[in-house]
């Protein structure tokens, strides 16, 4: 179980730390752990599953896939660094 910071989430998935903070305040978004008032972490596998769940696509920023960002095409969220089998 690898923990990742909001900064690493932003780099890997193109979701800003500010958007993650907004989701936490609203009670939506992926599960997270808060160890101190200033330390938040996500479990990489849990975040990936949440990110790829089509039910969550409406929360994700829409990006043009030509810019190398994430895509919500066909209700399935994909990321250029994510390998999708099948």
Protein backbone atom coordinates (compact mmCIF):
# COMPACT_ATOMS: atom_id res chain seq x y z
CA UNK A 1 0.00 0.00 0.00
CA UNK A 2 1.78 3.10 -1.28
CA UNK A 3 0.72 6.48 0.05
CA UNK A 4 0.94 9.47 -2.28
CA UNK A 5 0.69 13.17 -1.53
CA UNK A 6 -1.67 15.61 -3.22
CA UNK A 7 1.37 17.01 -5.05
CA UNK A 8 2.17 13.59 -6.49
CA UNK A 9 -1.51 13.07 -7.39
CA UNK A 10 -1.35 16.36 -9.32
CA UNK A 11 1.73 15.21 -11.23
CA UNK A 12 0.44 11.71 -11.97
CA UNK A 13 -3.24 12.40 -12.65
CA UNK A 14 -3.44 16.07 -13.58
CA UNK A 15 -5.75 16.90 -10.68
CA UNK A 16 -4.64 19.96 -8.77
CA UNK A 17 -3.99 19.92 -5.05
CA UNK A 18 -6.56 22.74 -4.79
CA UNK A 19 -9.26 20.58 -6.40
CA UNK A 20 -8.40 17.69 -4.06
CA UNK A 21 -8.71 20.08 -1.10
CA UNK A 22 -12.09 21.29 -2.42
CA UNK A 23 -13.32 17.69 -2.71
CA UNK A 24 -12.22 16.95 0.87
CA UNK A 25 -14.15 19.99 2.13
CA UNK A 26 -17.25 18.92 0.18
CA UNK A 27 -16.99 15.30 1.31
CA UNK A 28 -16.58 13.96 -2.23
CA UNK A 29 -13.65 12.48 -4.05
CA UNK A 30 -11.32 9.62 -3.26
CA UNK A 31 -10.65 8.27 0.22
CA UNK A 32 -7.77 10.00 1.98
CA UNK A 33 -5.87 9.83 5.24
CA UNK A 34 -5.09 12.89 7.32
CA UNK A 35 -2.28 12.20 9.76
CA UNK A 36 -1.90 15.78 10.99
CA UNK A 37 -3.69 19.04 10.24
CA UNK A 38 -1.25 19.65 7.37
CA UNK A 39 -0.54 16.11 6.12
CA UNK A 40 -2.94 14.41 3.72
CA UNK A 41 -2.18 11.23 1.77
CA UNK A 42 -4.00 9.00 -0.67
CA UNK A 43 -3.49 5.28 -1.23
CA UNK A 44 -2.23 5.05 -4.81
CA UNK A 45 -4.27 1.92 -5.67
CA UNK A 46 -7.47 3.33 -4.15
CA UNK A 47 -6.98 6.63 -5.95
CA UNK A 48 -6.39 4.88 -9.28
CA UNK A 49 -9.56 2.80 -8.84
CA UNK A 50 -11.56 5.90 -7.94
CA UNK A 51 -10.06 7.86 -10.84
CA UNK A 52 -10.97 5.12 -13.33
CA UNK A 53 -14.53 4.63 -12.04
CA UNK A 54 -16.93 6.06 -14.69
CA UNK A 55 -19.29 7.14 -11.89
CA UNK A 56 -16.71 9.74 -10.85
CA UNK A 57 -16.09 11.22 -14.31
CA UNK A 58 -18.44 14.16 -13.60
CA UNK A 59 -16.11 15.36 -10.82
CA UNK A 60 -13.00 15.37 -12.96
CA UNK A 61 -11.92 18.36 -15.03
CA UNK A 62 -12.57 17.80 -18.72
CA UNK A 63 -9.35 17.97 -20.71
CA UNK A 64 -8.63 17.60 -24.38
CA UNK A 65 -6.76 14.32 -24.84
CA UNK A 66 -4.53 15.99 -27.44
CA UNK A 67 -2.89 18.00 -24.64
CA UNK A 68 -1.68 14.81 -22.95
CA UNK A 69 -4.06 15.14 -20.03
CA UNK A 70 -6.71 12.86 -18.63
CA UNK A 71 -9.77 11.94 -20.64
CA UNK A 72 -13.30 11.02 -19.64
CA UNK A 73 -14.26 9.78 -23.10
CA UNK A 74 -16.94 7.10 -23.20
CA UNK A 75 -17.52 7.43 -19.46
CA UNK A 76 -14.17 5.78 -18.70
CA UNK A 77 -11.48 7.96 -17.26
CA UNK A 78 -8.05 7.28 -18.66
CA UNK A 79 -4.72 8.90 -18.17
CA UNK A 80 -1.87 8.87 -20.68
CA UNK A 81 0.35 6.97 -18.22
CA UNK A 82 -2.32 4.40 -17.37
CA UNK A 83 -2.28 1.04 -19.13
CA UNK A 84 -5.79 -0.28 -19.72
CA UNK A 85 -6.05 -3.99 -20.41
CA UNK A 86 -8.82 -5.32 -22.60
